């Protein structure tokens, strides 16, 4: 089993655990989408696909593993990635690049993207949110316990933040889904 397969297995296994408050859907409806879009963007802009794939797999790992770390999962995730990658004797310079991608992926916190790889992961994270509205609705209603209007507003704001952090390439790839989602989520009580 190569390093990416091993990391995939580790992350998916954590997603299956009962203490993962996001449920298995974070794997099937978020992480896999992040990987897909990050690799697509990496090919388009000439980023290191291996770095992008590893960082995409691990970008939410700390919060999945321990929800109490969710608010700072980007920081804890970088530390988790470093520990995991050192076990594989992964080169230190590449570990630092993976960590940078994880630290700077958050949409709710403005953190400078220092590399093409970081841009790919942050954009792919946003694109995955926009693509997977049902999983966000599930989180809003079932996990956060929001009502119909508050839940749809929460999701709408989340995808708006995600849209705002996208670069032009990301926006072009996801525009139709973004517009459709916002149209569906808009509440017109007239």
C-alpha atoms as a PDB file:
ATOM      1  CA  UNK A   1       0.000   0.000   0.000  1.00  0.00           C
ATOM      2  CA  UNK A   2       1.495   3.364  -0.993  1.00  0.00           C
ATOM      3  CA  UNK A   3       1.402   6.523   1.144  1.00  0.00           C
ATOM      4  CA  UNK A   4      -1.750   7.965  -0.455  1.00  0.00           C
ATOM      5  CA  UNK A   5      -3.634   4.675  -0.118  1.00  0.00           C
ATOM      6  CA  UNK A   6      -2.559   4.441   3.531  1.00  0.00           C
ATOM      7  CA  UNK A   7      -3.706   7.985   4.261  1.00  0.00           C
ATOM      8  CA  UNK A   8      -6.988   7.393   2.430  1.00  0.00           C
ATOM      9  CA  UNK A   9      -7.620   4.317   4.564  1.00  0.00           C
ATOM     10  CA  UNK A  10      -6.746   6.130   7.811  1.00  0.00           C
ATOM     11  CA  UNK A  11      -8.995   9.100   7.066  1.00  0.00           C
ATOM     12  CA  UNK A  12     -11.899   6.994   5.808  1.00  0.00           C
ATOM     13  CA  UNK A  13     -11.638   4.755   8.886  1.00  0.00           C
ATOM     14  CA  UNK A  14     -11.813   7.839  11.155  1.00  0.00           C
ATOM     15  CA  UNK A  15     -14.852   9.011   9.215  1.00  0.00           C
ATOM     16  CA  UNK A  16     -16.566   5.676   9.965  1.00  0.00           C
ATOM     17  CA  UNK A  17     -16.064   5.960  13.738  1.00  0.00           C
ATOM     18  CA  UNK A  18     -19.064   6.715  15.927  1.00  0.00           C
ATOM     19  CA  UNK A  19     -17.349   9.681  17.619  1.00  0.00           C
ATOM     20  CA  UNK A  20     -17.089  11.500  14.269  1.00  0.00           C
ATOM     21  CA  UNK A  21     -19.897  14.058  14.699  1.00  0.00           C
ATOM     22  CA  UNK A  22     -19.970  14.780  10.954  1.00  0.00           C
ATOM     23  CA  UNK A  23     -20.834  11.177  10.113  1.00  0.00           C
ATOM     24  CA  UNK A  24     -19.447   9.148   7.244  1.00  0.00           C
ATOM     25  CA  UNK A  25     -20.816  11.754   4.846  1.00  0.00           C
ATOM     26  CA  UNK A  26     -17.811  13.973   5.467  1.00  0.00           C
ATOM     27  CA  UNK A  27     -15.811  11.341   3.590  1.00  0.00           C
ATOM     28  CA  UNK A  28     -18.276  10.543   0.829  1.00  0.00           C
ATOM     29  CA  UNK A  29     -19.722  14.054   0.383  1.00  0.00           C
ATOM     30  CA  UNK A  30     -16.812  16.319   1.206  1.00  0.00           C
ATOM     31  CA  UNK A  31     -13.291  14.902   1.345  1.00  0.00           C
ATOM     32  CA  UNK A  32     -13.596  12.922  -1.886  1.00  0.00           C
ATOM     33  CA  UNK A  33     -14.899  16.068  -3.623  1.00  0.00           C
ATOM     34  CA  UNK A  34     -12.018  18.124  -2.230  1.00  0.00           C
ATOM     35  CA  UNK A  35      -9.533  15.577  -3.571  1.00  0.00           C
ATOM     36  CA  UNK A  36     -11.249  15.538  -6.981  1.00  0.00           C
ATOM     37  CA  UNK A  37     -11.300  19.328  -7.373  1.00  0.00           C
ATOM     38  CA  UNK A  38      -7.837  19.886  -5.896  1.00  0.00           C
ATOM     39  CA  UNK A  39      -6.265  17.455  -8.355  1.00  0.00           C
ATOM     40  CA  UNK A  40      -8.182  19.037 -11.228  1.00  0.00           C
ATOM     41  CA  UNK A  41      -6.982  22.516 -10.240  1.00  0.00           C
ATOM     42  CA  UNK A  42      -3.417  21.252  -9.689  1.00  0.00           C
ATOM     43  CA  UNK A  43      -3.310  19.966 -13.250  1.00  0.00           C
ATOM     44  CA  UNK A  44      -4.688  23.261 -14.525  1.00  0.00           C
ATOM     45  CA  UNK A  45      -2.239  25.555 -12.723  1.00  0.00           C
ATOM     46  CA  UNK A  46       0.830  23.294 -12.522  1.00  0.00           C
ATOM     47  CA  UNK A  47       0.811  22.476  -8.805  1.00  0.00           C
ATOM     48  CA  UNK A  48       2.313  19.331  -7.240  1.00  0.00           C
ATOM     49  CA  UNK A  49      -0.527  16.793  -7.452  1.00  0.00           C
ATOM     50  CA  UNK A  50       0.860  14.520  -4.721  1.00  0.00           C
ATOM     51  CA  UNK A  51       1.090  17.391  -2.198  1.00  0.00           C
ATOM     52  CA  UNK A  52      -2.408  18.534  -3.139  1.00  0.00           C
ATOM     53  CA  UNK A  53      -3.888  15.037  -2.815  1.00  0.00           C
ATOM     54  CA  UNK A  54      -2.307  14.353   0.577  1.00  0.00           C
ATOM     55  CA  UNK A  55      -3.307  17.758   1.947  1.00  0.00           C
ATOM     56  CA  UNK A  56      -6.857  17.325   0.615  1.00  0.00           C
ATOM     57  CA  UNK A  57      -7.203  13.979   2.339  1.00  0.00           C
ATOM     58  CA  UNK A  58      -5.947  15.410   5.634  1.00  0.00           C
ATOM     59  CA  UNK A  59      -7.386  18.957   5.608  1.00  0.00           C
ATOM     60  CA  UNK A  60     -10.271  18.166   8.026  1.00  0.00           C
ATOM     61  CA  UNK A  61      -8.698  15.162   9.752  1.00  0.00           C
ATOM     62  CA  UNK A  62      -8.140  16.763  13.155  1.00  0.00           C
ATOM     63  CA  UNK A  63     -11.776  17.849  13.505  1.00  0.00           C
ATOM     64  CA  UNK A  64     -13.011  14.438  12.384  1.00  0.00           C
ATOM     65  CA  UNK A  65     -10.734  12.677  14.838  1.00  0.00           C
ATOM     66  CA  UNK A  66     -11.634  14.996  17.727  1.00  0.00           C
ATOM     67  CA  UNK A  67     -14.502  17.494  17.372  1.00  0.00           C
ATOM     68  CA  UNK A  68     -13.177  19.584  20.276  1.00  0.00           C
ATOM     69  CA  UNK A  69     -10.403  20.620  17.861  1.00  0.00           C
ATOM     70  CA  UNK A  70     -12.843  21.673  15.129  1.00  0.00           C
ATOM     71  CA  UNK A  71     -12.503  25.438  15.632  1.00  0.00           C
ATOM     72  CA  UNK A  72      -8.749  25.189  15.073  1.00  0.00           C
ATOM     73  CA  UNK A  73      -8.744  22.035  12.962  1.00  0.00           C
ATOM     74  CA  UNK A  74      -6.539  23.707  10.374  1.00  0.00           C
ATOM     75  CA  UNK A  75      -3.782  24.132  12.976  1.00  0.00           C
ATOM     76  CA  UNK A  76      -4.216  20.748  14.663  1.00  0.00           C
ATOM     77  CA  UNK A  77      -4.580  19.138  11.244  1.00  0.00           C
ATOM     78  CA  UNK A  78      -1.163  20.404  10.179  1.00  0.00           C
ATOM     79  CA  UNK A  79       0.357  18.852  13.310  1.00  0.00           C
ATOM     80  CA  UNK A  80      -1.482  15.562  12.718  1.00  0.00           C
ATOM     81  CA  UNK A  81      -0.282  15.532   9.110  1.00  0.00           C
ATOM     82  CA  UNK A  82       3.310  16.103  10.180  1.00  0.00           C
ATOM     83  CA  UNK A  83       3.210  13.205  12.659  1.00  0.00           C
ATOM     84  CA  UNK A  84       1.564  10.889  10.149  1.00  0.00           C
ATOM     85  CA  UNK A  85       3.864  11.795   7.249  1.00  0.00           C
ATOM     86  CA  UNK A  86       7.021  11.416   9.352  1.00  0.00           C
ATOM     87  CA  UNK A  87       6.010   7.789   9.974  1.00  0.00           C
ATOM     88  CA  UNK A  88       6.213   7.307   6.194  1.00  0.00           C
ATOM     89  CA  UNK A  89       9.634   9.017   6.075  1.00  0.00           C
ATOM     90  CA  UNK A  90       8.064  11.607   3.815  1.00  0.00           C
ATOM     91  CA  UNK A  91      10.550  14.390   2.928  1.00  0.00           C
ATOM     92  CA  UNK A  92      10.494  17.336   5.360  1.00  0.00           C
ATOM     93  CA  UNK A  93      10.176  19.946   2.609  1.00  0.00           C
ATOM     94  CA  UNK A  94       7.070  18.182   1.299  1.00  0.00           C
ATOM     95  CA  UNK A  95       5.657  17.843   4.826  1.00  0.00           C
ATOM     96  CA  UNK A  96       5.940  21.611   5.206  1.00  0.00           C
ATOM     97  CA  UNK A  97       4.061  22.130   1.936  1.00  0.00           C
ATOM     98  CA  UNK A  98       1.263  19.778   3.053  1.00  0.00           C
ATOM     99  CA  UNK A  99       1.064  21.573   6.400  1.00  0.00           C
ATOM    100  CA  UNK A 100       0.849  24.962   4.687  1.00  0.00           C
ATOM    101  CA  UNK A 101      -2.052  23.722   2.539  1.00  0.00           C
ATOM    102  CA  UNK A 102      -3.927  22.481   5.600  1.00  0.00           C
ATOM    103  CA  UNK A 103      -3.295  25.605   7.671  1.00  0.00           C
ATOM    104  CA  UNK A 104      -4.459  27.943   4.911  1.00  0.00           C
ATOM    105  CA  UNK A 105      -7.530  26.028   3.651  1.00  0.00           C
ATOM    106  CA  UNK A 106     -10.082  27.647   5.980  1.00  0.00           C
ATOM    107  CA  UNK A 107     -12.657  29.893   4.331  1.00  0.00           C
ATOM    108  CA  UNK A 108     -13.777  31.577   7.540  1.00  0.00           C
ATOM    109  CA  UNK A 109     -10.266  32.785   8.363  1.00  0.00           C
ATOM    110  CA  UNK A 110      -8.192  34.895   5.986  1.00  0.00           C
ATOM    111  CA  UNK A 111      -4.826  33.142   5.735  1.00  0.00           C
ATOM    112  CA  UNK A 112      -2.421  33.865   2.909  1.00  0.00           C
ATOM    113  CA  UNK A 113      -1.995  31.039   0.409  1.00  0.00           C
ATOM    114  CA  UNK A 114       1.770  30.827  -0.092  1.00  0.00           C
ATOM    115  CA  UNK A 115       1.830  28.218  -2.851  1.00  0.00           C
ATOM    116  CA  UNK A 116      -0.090  26.933  -5.845  1.00  0.00           C
ATOM    117  CA  UNK A 117      -0.816  23.811  -3.808  1.00  0.00           C
ATOM    118  CA  UNK A 118      -2.416  25.835  -0.992  1.00  0.00           C
ATOM    119  CA  UNK A 119      -4.565  27.675  -3.531  1.00  0.00           C
ATOM    120  CA  UNK A 120      -5.736  24.339  -4.958  1.00  0.00           C
ATOM    121  CA  UNK A 121      -6.715  22.862  -1.585  1.00  0.00           C
ATOM    122  CA  UNK A 122      -8.486  26.014  -0.344  1.00  0.00           C
ATOM    123  CA  UNK A 123     -10.404  26.348  -3.604  1.00  0.00           C
ATOM    124  CA  UNK A 124     -11.280  22.652  -3.690  1.00  0.00           C
ATOM    125  CA  UNK A 125     -12.597  22.848  -0.108  1.00  0.00           C
ATOM    126  CA  UNK A 126     -14.878  25.711  -1.111  1.00  0.00           C
ATOM    127  CA  UNK A 127     -15.960  23.943  -4.293  1.00  0.00           C
ATOM    128  CA  UNK A 128     -16.824  20.793  -2.329  1.00  0.00           C
ATOM    129  CA  UNK A 129     -19.084  22.811  -0.033  1.00  0.00           C
ATOM    130  CA  UNK A 130     -20.892  24.295  -3.007  1.00  0.00           C
ATOM    131  CA  UNK A 131     -21.189  20.918  -4.737  1.00  0.00           C
ATOM    132  CA  UNK A 132     -22.516  19.045  -1.721  1.00  0.00           C
ATOM    133  CA  UNK A 133     -25.461  21.066  -0.441  1.00  0.00           C
ATOM    134  CA  UNK A 134     -27.304  18.004   0.950  1.00  0.00           C
ATOM    135  CA  UNK A 135     -24.453  17.281   3.363  1.00  0.00           C
ATOM    136  CA  UNK A 136     -24.474  20.906   4.563  1.00  0.00           C
ATOM    137  CA  UNK A 137     -28.245  20.751   5.047  1.00  0.00           C
ATOM    138  CA  UNK A 138     -27.828  17.518   6.989  1.00  0.00           C
ATOM    139  CA  UNK A 139     -25.264  19.192   9.230  1.00  0.00           C
ATOM    140  CA  UNK A 140     -27.446  22.289   9.720  1.00  0.00           C
ATOM    141  CA  UNK A 141     -30.640  20.390  10.532  1.00  0.00           C
ATOM    142  CA  UNK A 142     -29.470  17.164  12.134  1.00  0.00           C
ATOM    143  CA  UNK A 143     -26.246  18.143  13.850  1.00  0.00           C
ATOM    144  CA  UNK A 144     -26.760  21.835  14.615  1.00  0.00           C
ATOM    145  CA  UNK A 145     -30.508  21.394  15.222  1.00  0.00           C
ATOM    146  CA  UNK A 146     -31.501  24.453  13.208  1.00  0.00           C
ATOM    147  CA  UNK A 147     -35.025  25.025  11.948  1.00  0.00           C
ATOM    148  CA  UNK A 148     -35.933  25.159   8.264  1.00  0.00           C
ATOM    149  CA  UNK A 149     -35.311  28.891   7.709  1.00  0.00           C
ATOM    150  CA  UNK A 150     -32.245  29.216   9.952  1.00  0.00           C
ATOM    151  CA  UNK A 151     -30.758  26.051   8.476  1.00  0.00           C
ATOM    152  CA  UNK A 152     -31.153  27.169   4.881  1.00  0.00           C
ATOM    153  CA  UNK A 153     -29.763  30.604   5.800  1.00  0.00           C
ATOM    154  CA  UNK A 154     -26.756  28.980   7.508  1.00  0.00           C
ATOM    155  CA  UNK A 155     -26.061  26.859   4.418  1.00  0.00           C
ATOM    156  CA  UNK A 156     -26.549  29.829   2.079  1.00  0.00           C
ATOM    157  CA  UNK A 157     -24.047  31.897   4.073  1.00  0.00           C
ATOM    158  CA  UNK A 158     -21.598  28.986   4.170  1.00  0.00           C
ATOM    159  CA  UNK A 159     -21.626  28.576   0.393  1.00  0.00           C
ATOM    160  CA  UNK A 160     -21.444  32.359  -0.058  1.00  0.00           C
ATOM    161  CA  UNK A 161     -18.239  32.381   2.054  1.00  0.00           C
ATOM    162  CA  UNK A 162     -16.968  29.459   0.002  1.00  0.00           C
ATOM    163  CA  UNK A 163     -17.764  31.262  -3.248  1.00  0.00           C
ATOM    164  CA  UNK A 164     -15.956  34.385  -2.050  1.00  0.00           C
ATOM    165  CA  UNK A 165     -12.728  32.507  -1.418  1.00  0.00           C
ATOM    166  CA  UNK A 166     -12.620  30.934  -4.892  1.00  0.00           C
ATOM    167  CA  UNK A 167     -10.212  32.002  -7.590  1.00  0.00           C
ATOM    168  CA  UNK A 168     -11.394  32.498 -11.180  1.00  0.00           C
ATOM    169  CA  UNK A 169     -10.616  28.892 -12.206  1.00  0.00           C
ATOM    170  CA  UNK A 170     -12.631  27.525  -9.296  1.00  0.00           C
ATOM    171  CA  UNK A 171     -15.542  29.838  -9.971  1.00  0.00           C
ATOM    172  CA  UNK A 172     -15.705  28.808 -13.623  1.00  0.00           C
ATOM    173  CA  UNK A 173     -15.819  25.124 -12.665  1.00  0.00           C
ATOM    174  CA  UNK A 174     -18.608  25.493 -10.086  1.00  0.00           C
ATOM    175  CA  UNK A 175     -20.672  28.511 -11.218  1.00  0.00           C
ATOM    176  CA  UNK A 176     -23.758  26.522 -12.283  1.00  0.00           C
ATOM    177  CA  UNK A 177     -23.895  24.626  -9.001  1.00  0.00           C
ATOM    178  CA  UNK A 178     -23.404  27.788  -6.960  1.00  0.00           C
ATOM    179  CA  UNK A 179     -26.204  29.666  -8.738  1.00  0.00           C
ATOM    180  CA  UNK A 180     -28.559  26.681  -8.495  1.00  0.00           C
ATOM    181  CA  UNK A 181     -27.844  26.191  -4.795  1.00  0.00           C
ATOM    182  CA  UNK A 182     -28.412  29.838  -3.927  1.00  0.00           C
ATOM    183  CA  UNK A 183     -31.649  29.847  -5.926  1.00  0.00           C
ATOM    184  CA  UNK A 184     -32.934  26.791  -4.051  1.00  0.00           C
ATOM    185  CA  UNK A 185     -31.826  28.094  -0.642  1.00  0.00           C
ATOM    186  CA  UNK A 186     -33.333  31.543  -1.016  1.00  0.00           C
ATOM    187  CA  UNK A 187     -36.334  31.998   1.215  1.00  0.00           C
ATOM    188  CA  UNK A 188     -39.218  33.888  -0.282  1.00  0.00           C
ATOM    189  CA  UNK A 189     -42.067  34.008   2.226  1.00  0.00           C
ATOM    190  CA  UNK A 190     -44.279  36.397   0.207  1.00  0.00           C
END
